[in-house]
Amino acid sequence: MSSRSAEVVRNTAETQVRVRIDLDGTGRQRLASGVPFLDHMLDQIARHGLVDLEVEATGDLHIDGHHTVEDIGITLGMAVARALSDKTGIRRYGHSYVPLDEALSRVVIDFSGRPGLVWQVPFTRSMIGSFDVDLAHEFFQGFVNHALVTLHVDNLRGDNAHHQCETVFKAFARALRMALEPDPRMAGRLPSTKEAL
């Protein structure tokens, strides 16, 4: 496969976001989202997804983190879609279960070309430090809408909200890695009976 990397800059009246991604990386990252807990979660995506990831963002954090977190999800989705190009030769589907102490999450992804998010994450509290847990959903909704993927996210158990959220991001990273891997048996072909994704 040719180089699968992209850089996307997305500027609005609320945020300025730059994302650079290499889908065939080694897990290197440079993160400056302005939201420390999100940087921790983005680090999970890079390390466990084996993608090289750079994120720089400034936003209206004096209001709250909503626009910044959502717009980073949107821009990451755009970057993944651009880096992936036409999806020829990928596995397309990915899934992962990840535990962290008492918490366990399952993520399943399909690079279907159809955006859809099923989110079943019953967080045990509303805040992780200063991070509103609702923003995890907003991040993934933004990603899904712009990467054009179907994503099912289920936290199967957990008592600690930090553990719940971290297992979601780690499982997402592992599922993403699986789906994006080149499939030597599909070389030169799209993984679809429609011959289009």
C-alpha atoms as a PDB file:
ATOM      1  CA  MET A   1       0.000   0.000   0.000  1.00  0.00           C
ATOM      2  CA  SER A   2       1.112   3.554  -0.666  1.00  0.00           C
ATOM      3  CA  SER A   3       1.665   5.974   2.203  1.00  0.00           C
ATOM      4  CA  ARG A   4      -1.435   6.256   4.353  1.00  0.00           C
ATOM      5  CA  SER A   5      -1.035   9.598   6.083  1.00  0.00           C
ATOM      6  CA  ALA A   6      -2.912  12.867   6.076  1.00  0.00           C
ATOM      7  CA  GLU A   7      -3.057  16.251   7.716  1.00  0.00           C
ATOM      8  CA  VAL A   8      -6.286  18.171   8.195  1.00  0.00           C
ATOM      9  CA  VAL A   9      -6.719  21.708   9.503  1.00  0.00           C
ATOM     10  CA  ARG A  10     -10.221  22.715  10.534  1.00  0.00           C
ATOM     11  CA  ASN A  11     -10.925  26.248  11.716  1.00  0.00           C
ATOM     12  CA  THR A  12     -14.244  27.576  12.968  1.00  0.00           C
ATOM     13  CA  ALA A  13     -15.340  30.547  15.038  1.00  0.00           C
ATOM     14  CA  GLU A  14     -15.144  28.241  18.093  1.00  0.00           C
ATOM     15  CA  THR A  15     -12.022  26.131  17.510  1.00  0.00           C
ATOM     16  CA  GLN A  16      -8.829  25.802  15.514  1.00  0.00           C
ATOM     17  CA  VAL A  17      -7.776  22.173  15.113  1.00  0.00           C
ATOM     18  CA  ARG A  18      -4.912  20.480  13.292  1.00  0.00           C
ATOM     19  CA  VAL A  19      -4.635  16.690  13.117  1.00  0.00           C
ATOM     20  CA  ARG A  20      -1.914  14.719  11.409  1.00  0.00           C
ATOM     21  CA  ILE A  21      -2.092  10.923  11.267  1.00  0.00           C
ATOM     22  CA  ASP A  22      -0.035   8.084   9.818  1.00  0.00           C
ATOM     23  CA  LEU A  23      -2.094   4.895   9.802  1.00  0.00           C
ATOM     24  CA  ASP A  24       1.056   2.766   9.509  1.00  0.00           C
ATOM     25  CA  GLY A  25       2.928   4.357  12.377  1.00  0.00           C
ATOM     26  CA  THR A  26       4.448   3.050  15.585  1.00  0.00           C
ATOM     27  CA  GLY A  27       2.343   4.837  18.188  1.00  0.00           C
ATOM     28  CA  ARG A  28       4.247   8.116  18.346  1.00  0.00           C
ATOM     29  CA  GLN A  29       2.186  11.074  19.440  1.00  0.00           C
ATOM     30  CA  ARG A  30       2.341  14.816  20.027  1.00  0.00           C
ATOM     31  CA  LEU A  31      -0.819  16.034  21.706  1.00  0.00           C
ATOM     32  CA  ALA A  32      -1.916  19.508  22.726  1.00  0.00           C
ATOM     33  CA  SER A  33      -5.701  19.547  22.762  1.00  0.00           C
ATOM     34  CA  GLY A  34      -6.026  21.913  25.697  1.00  0.00           C
ATOM     35  CA  VAL A  35      -8.045  19.203  27.473  1.00  0.00           C
ATOM     36  CA  PRO A  36      -5.617  17.101  29.535  1.00  0.00           C
ATOM     37  CA  PHE A  37      -7.869  14.066  29.965  1.00  0.00           C
ATOM     38  CA  LEU A  38      -8.568  14.004  26.222  1.00  0.00           C
ATOM     39  CA  ASP A  39      -4.814  14.053  25.563  1.00  0.00           C
ATOM     40  CA  HIS A  40      -4.585  10.981  27.808  1.00  0.00           C
ATOM     41  CA  MET A  41      -7.288   9.263  25.731  1.00  0.00           C
ATOM     42  CA  LEU A  42      -5.744  10.298  22.398  1.00  0.00           C
ATOM     43  CA  ASP A  43      -2.491   8.788  23.626  1.00  0.00           C
ATOM     44  CA  GLN A  44      -4.348   5.478  23.988  1.00  0.00           C
ATOM     45  CA  ILE A  45      -5.475   5.702  20.349  1.00  0.00           C
ATOM     46  CA  ALA A  46      -1.918   6.308  19.126  1.00  0.00           C
ATOM     47  CA  ARG A  47      -0.202   3.690  21.277  1.00  0.00           C
ATOM     48  CA  HIS A  48      -2.735   0.880  21.030  1.00  0.00           C
ATOM     49  CA  GLY A  49      -3.792   1.642  17.463  1.00  0.00           C
ATOM     50  CA  LEU A  50      -0.169   1.886  16.295  1.00  0.00           C
ATOM     51  CA  VAL A  51      -0.860   5.140  14.496  1.00  0.00           C
ATOM     52  CA  ASP A  52       1.344   8.205  14.652  1.00  0.00           C
ATOM     53  CA  LEU A  53      -0.841  11.072  15.796  1.00  0.00           C
ATOM     54  CA  GLU A  54      -0.393  14.809  16.175  1.00  0.00           C
ATOM     55  CA  VAL A  55      -3.194  16.962  17.551  1.00  0.00           C
ATOM     56  CA  GLU A  56      -3.036  20.701  18.153  1.00  0.00           C
ATOM     57  CA  ALA A  57      -6.165  22.565  19.172  1.00  0.00           C
ATOM     58  CA  THR A  58      -7.254  25.836  20.626  1.00  0.00           C
ATOM     59  CA  GLY A  59     -10.854  26.502  21.446  1.00  0.00           C
ATOM     60  CA  ASP A  60     -13.380  28.251  23.617  1.00  0.00           C
ATOM     61  CA  LEU A  61     -12.429  26.352  26.759  1.00  0.00           C
ATOM     62  CA  HIS A  62     -13.523  29.350  28.822  1.00  0.00           C
ATOM     63  CA  ILE A  63     -17.067  28.152  28.002  1.00  0.00           C
ATOM     64  CA  ASP A  64     -16.426  24.418  28.373  1.00  0.00           C
ATOM     65  CA  GLY A  65     -14.708  21.582  26.539  1.00  0.00           C
ATOM     66  CA  HIS A  66     -17.607  20.625  24.291  1.00  0.00           C
ATOM     67  CA  HIS A  67     -16.646  22.369  21.051  1.00  0.00           C
ATOM     68  CA  THR A  68     -12.966  21.478  21.359  1.00  0.00           C
ATOM     69  CA  VAL A  69     -13.519  17.783  22.062  1.00  0.00           C
ATOM     70  CA  GLU A  70     -16.202  17.409  19.395  1.00  0.00           C
ATOM     71  CA  ASP A  71     -14.166  19.255  16.771  1.00  0.00           C
ATOM     72  CA  ILE A  72     -11.090  17.134  17.457  1.00  0.00           C
ATOM     73  CA  GLY A  73     -13.252  14.048  16.873  1.00  0.00           C
ATOM     74  CA  ILE A  74     -14.509  15.562  13.621  1.00  0.00           C
ATOM     75  CA  THR A  75     -11.016  16.480  12.425  1.00  0.00           C
ATOM     76  CA  LEU A  76      -9.598  13.074  13.378  1.00  0.00           C
ATOM     77  CA  GLY A  77     -12.377  11.420  11.385  1.00  0.00           C
ATOM     78  CA  MET A  78     -11.589  13.600   8.389  1.00  0.00           C
ATOM     79  CA  ALA A  79      -7.889  12.773   8.652  1.00  0.00           C
ATOM     80  CA  VAL A  80      -8.488   9.026   8.879  1.00  0.00           C
ATOM     81  CA  ALA A  81     -10.817   9.133   5.860  1.00  0.00           C
ATOM     82  CA  ARG A  82      -8.279  11.122   3.836  1.00  0.00           C
ATOM     83  CA  ALA A  83      -5.362   8.864   4.818  1.00  0.00           C
ATOM     84  CA  LEU A  84      -7.318   5.724   4.004  1.00  0.00           C
ATOM     85  CA  SER A  85      -8.335   6.890   0.542  1.00  0.00           C
ATOM     86  CA  ASP A  86     -10.418   4.247  -1.272  1.00  0.00           C
ATOM     87  CA  LYS A  87     -10.152   1.397   1.293  1.00  0.00           C
ATOM     88  CA  THR A  88      -8.773  -1.101  -1.207  1.00  0.00           C
ATOM     89  CA  GLY A  89      -7.128  -4.073   0.466  1.00  0.00           C
ATOM     90  CA  ILE A  90      -8.069  -3.354   4.094  1.00  0.00           C
ATOM     91  CA  ARG A  91      -9.735  -5.768   6.493  1.00  0.00           C
ATOM     92  CA  ARG A  92     -12.629  -3.287   6.897  1.00  0.00           C
ATOM     93  CA  TYR A  93     -13.962  -4.749  10.157  1.00  0.00           C
ATOM     94  CA  GLY A  94     -12.319  -4.575  13.551  1.00  0.00           C
ATOM     95  CA  HIS A  95     -13.283  -5.510  17.065  1.00  0.00           C
ATOM     96  CA  SER A  96     -11.700  -5.556  20.498  1.00  0.00           C
ATOM     97  CA  TYR A  97     -12.434  -6.280  24.128  1.00  0.00           C
ATOM     98  CA  VAL A  98     -10.246  -4.408  26.608  1.00  0.00           C
ATOM     99  CA  PRO A  99     -10.249  -4.742  30.413  1.00  0.00           C
ATOM    100  CA  LEU A 100      -8.832  -2.364  32.982  1.00  0.00           C
ATOM    101  CA  ASP A 101      -9.192  -3.714  36.495  1.00  0.00           C
ATOM    102  CA  GLU A 102     -12.959  -3.991  37.091  1.00  0.00           C
ATOM    103  CA  ALA A 103     -13.954  -2.339  33.782  1.00  0.00           C
ATOM    104  CA  LEU A 104     -14.467  -4.079  30.440  1.00  0.00           C
ATOM    105  CA  SER A 105     -15.414  -2.537  27.102  1.00  0.00           C
ATOM    106  CA  ARG A 106     -16.108  -3.864  23.617  1.00  0.00           C
ATOM    107  CA  VAL A 107     -15.758  -1.832  20.429  1.00  0.00           C
ATOM    108  CA  VAL A 108     -16.672  -3.003  16.932  1.00  0.00           C
ATOM    109  CA  ILE A 109     -16.003  -0.897  13.822  1.00  0.00           C
ATOM    110  CA  ASP A 110     -16.908  -1.179  10.151  1.00  0.00           C
ATOM    111  CA  PHE A 111     -15.411   1.104   7.508  1.00  0.00           C
ATOM    112  CA  SER A 112     -18.708   0.848   5.682  1.00  0.00           C
ATOM    113  CA  GLY A 113     -18.992   4.359   4.265  1.00  0.00           C
ATOM    114  CA  ARG A 114     -22.149   4.758   6.360  1.00  0.00           C
ATOM    115  CA  PRO A 115     -21.902   6.790   9.569  1.00  0.00           C
ATOM    116  CA  GLY A 116     -23.590   5.238  12.579  1.00  0.00           C
ATOM    117  CA  LEU A 117     -22.835   5.213  16.294  1.00  0.00           C
ATOM    118  CA  VAL A 118     -24.355   2.861  18.856  1.00  0.00           C
ATOM    119  CA  TRP A 119     -23.221   4.038  22.299  1.00  0.00           C
ATOM    120  CA  GLN A 120     -23.923   2.003  25.430  1.00  0.00           C
ATOM    121  CA  VAL A 121     -21.616   3.450  28.076  1.00  0.00           C
ATOM    122  CA  PRO A 122     -23.324   3.863  31.486  1.00  0.00           C
ATOM    123  CA  PHE A 123     -20.726   6.007  33.207  1.00  0.00           C
ATOM    124  CA  THR A 124     -20.872   5.732  36.991  1.00  0.00           C
ATOM    125  CA  ARG A 125     -20.301   9.454  37.453  1.00  0.00           C
ATOM    126  CA  SER A 126     -20.638  12.577  35.346  1.00  0.00           C
ATOM    127  CA  MET A 127     -17.099  13.963  35.662  1.00  0.00           C
ATOM    128  CA  ILE A 128     -13.601  12.510  35.456  1.00  0.00           C
ATOM    129  CA  GLY A 129     -11.628  15.272  37.102  1.00  0.00           C
ATOM    130  CA  SER A 130     -12.673  18.293  35.033  1.00  0.00           C
ATOM    131  CA  PHE A 131     -13.725  16.179  32.012  1.00  0.00           C
ATOM    132  CA  ASP A 132     -17.477  15.871  31.411  1.00  0.00           C
ATOM    133  CA  VAL A 133     -18.076  12.227  30.437  1.00  0.00           C
ATOM    134  CA  ASP A 134     -20.756  13.290  27.904  1.00  0.00           C
ATOM    135  CA  LEU A 135     -17.901  14.618  25.793  1.00  0.00           C
ATOM    136  CA  ALA A 136     -16.645  11.081  25.099  1.00  0.00           C
ATOM    137  CA  HIS A 137     -19.851  10.460  23.161  1.00  0.00           C
ATOM    138  CA  GLU A 138     -19.459  13.783  21.327  1.00  0.00           C
ATOM    139  CA  PHE A 139     -15.890  12.888  20.337  1.00  0.00           C
ATOM    140  CA  PHE A 140     -16.919   9.557  18.832  1.00  0.00           C
ATOM    141  CA  GLN A 141     -20.025  10.999  17.149  1.00  0.00           C
ATOM    142  CA  GLY A 142     -17.824  13.565  15.431  1.00  0.00           C
ATOM    143  CA  PHE A 143     -15.362  10.866  14.403  1.00  0.00           C
ATOM    144  CA  VAL A 144     -18.056   8.551  13.052  1.00  0.00           C
ATOM    145  CA  ASN A 145     -19.772  11.263  11.013  1.00  0.00           C
ATOM    146  CA  HIS A 146     -16.562  12.253   9.232  1.00  0.00           C
ATOM    147  CA  ALA A 147     -14.668   8.957   8.986  1.00  0.00           C
ATOM    148  CA  LEU A 148     -17.892   7.428   7.613  1.00  0.00           C
ATOM    149  CA  VAL A 149     -17.791   4.356   9.830  1.00  0.00           C
ATOM    150  CA  THR A 150     -20.280   2.309  11.792  1.00  0.00           C
ATOM    151  CA  LEU A 151     -19.145   2.084  15.408  1.00  0.00           C
ATOM    152  CA  HIS A 152     -20.611   0.080  18.277  1.00  0.00           C
ATOM    153  CA  VAL A 153     -19.267   0.966  21.722  1.00  0.00           C
ATOM    154  CA  ASP A 154     -20.317  -1.024  24.774  1.00  0.00           C
ATOM    155  CA  ASN A 155     -18.962  -0.701  28.283  1.00  0.00           C
ATOM    156  CA  LEU A 156     -19.921  -4.107  29.639  1.00  0.00           C
ATOM    157  CA  ARG A 157     -19.009  -3.402  33.251  1.00  0.00           C
ATOM    158  CA  GLY A 158     -17.140  -0.972  35.416  1.00  0.00           C
ATOM    159  CA  ASP A 159     -17.345   0.984  38.657  1.00  0.00           C
ATOM    160  CA  ASN A 160     -14.634   3.579  38.037  1.00  0.00           C
ATOM    161  CA  ALA A 161     -15.527   6.133  35.340  1.00  0.00           C
ATOM    162  CA  HIS A 162     -11.866   6.704  34.441  1.00  0.00           C
ATOM    163  CA  HIS A 163     -11.432   2.970  33.875  1.00  0.00           C
ATOM    164  CA  GLN A 164     -14.662   2.828  31.863  1.00  0.00           C
ATOM    165  CA  CYS A 165     -13.560   5.626  29.559  1.00  0.00           C
ATOM    166  CA  GLU A 166     -10.017   4.340  29.170  1.00  0.00           C
ATOM    167  CA  THR A 167     -11.200   0.854  28.192  1.00  0.00           C
ATOM    168  CA  VAL A 168     -13.462   2.429  25.557  1.00  0.00           C
ATOM    169  CA  PHE A 169     -10.588   4.371  23.977  1.00  0.00           C
ATOM    170  CA  LYS A 170      -8.176   1.438  24.157  1.00  0.00           C
ATOM    171  CA  ALA A 171     -10.719  -0.946  22.625  1.00  0.00           C
ATOM    172  CA  PHE A 172     -11.438   1.634  19.925  1.00  0.00           C
ATOM    173  CA  ALA A 173      -7.730   1.849  19.152  1.00  0.00           C
ATOM    174  CA  ARG A 174      -7.351  -1.918  18.856  1.00  0.00           C
ATOM    175  CA  ALA A 175     -10.479  -2.248  16.706  1.00  0.00           C
ATOM    176  CA  LEU A 176      -9.288   0.603  14.481  1.00  0.00           C
ATOM    177  CA  ARG A 177      -5.908  -1.066  14.065  1.00  0.00           C
ATOM    178  CA  MET A 178      -7.516  -4.359  13.050  1.00  0.00           C
ATOM    179  CA  ALA A 179      -9.903  -2.773  10.553  1.00  0.00           C
ATOM    180  CA  LEU A 180      -7.215  -0.677   8.862  1.00  0.00           C
ATOM    181  CA  GLU A 181      -4.659  -3.467   8.530  1.00  0.00           C
ATOM    182  CA  PRO A 182      -3.836  -4.531   4.980  1.00  0.00           C
ATOM    183  CA  ASP A 183      -5.366  -7.914   4.210  1.00  0.00           C
ATOM    184  CA  PRO A 184      -3.015  -9.760   1.841  1.00  0.00           C
ATOM    185  CA  ARG A 185      -5.892 -11.935   0.626  1.00  0.00           C
ATOM    186  CA  MET A 186      -7.826  -8.804  -0.399  1.00  0.00           C
ATOM    187  CA  ALA A 187      -4.919  -7.124  -2.196  1.00  0.00           C
ATOM    188  CA  GLY A 188      -6.219  -4.823  -4.904  1.00  0.00           C
ATOM    189  CA  ARG A 189      -9.863  -5.465  -4.006  1.00  0.00           C
ATOM    190  CA  LEU A 190     -12.484  -3.688  -1.953  1.00  0.00           C
ATOM    191  CA  PRO A 191     -13.905  -5.748   0.939  1.00  0.00           C
ATOM    192  CA  SER A 192     -17.489  -5.360  -0.288  1.00  0.00           C
ATOM    193  CA  THR A 193     -19.842  -7.321  -2.546  1.00  0.00           C
ATOM    194  CA  LYS A 194     -21.048  -3.946  -3.834  1.00  0.00           C
ATOM    195  CA  GLU A 195     -17.493  -3.147  -5.008  1.00  0.00           C
ATOM    196  CA  ALA A 196     -17.942   0.233  -3.333  1.00  0.00           C
ATOM    197  CA  LEU A 197     -17.488   1.569   0.201  1.00  0.00           C
END
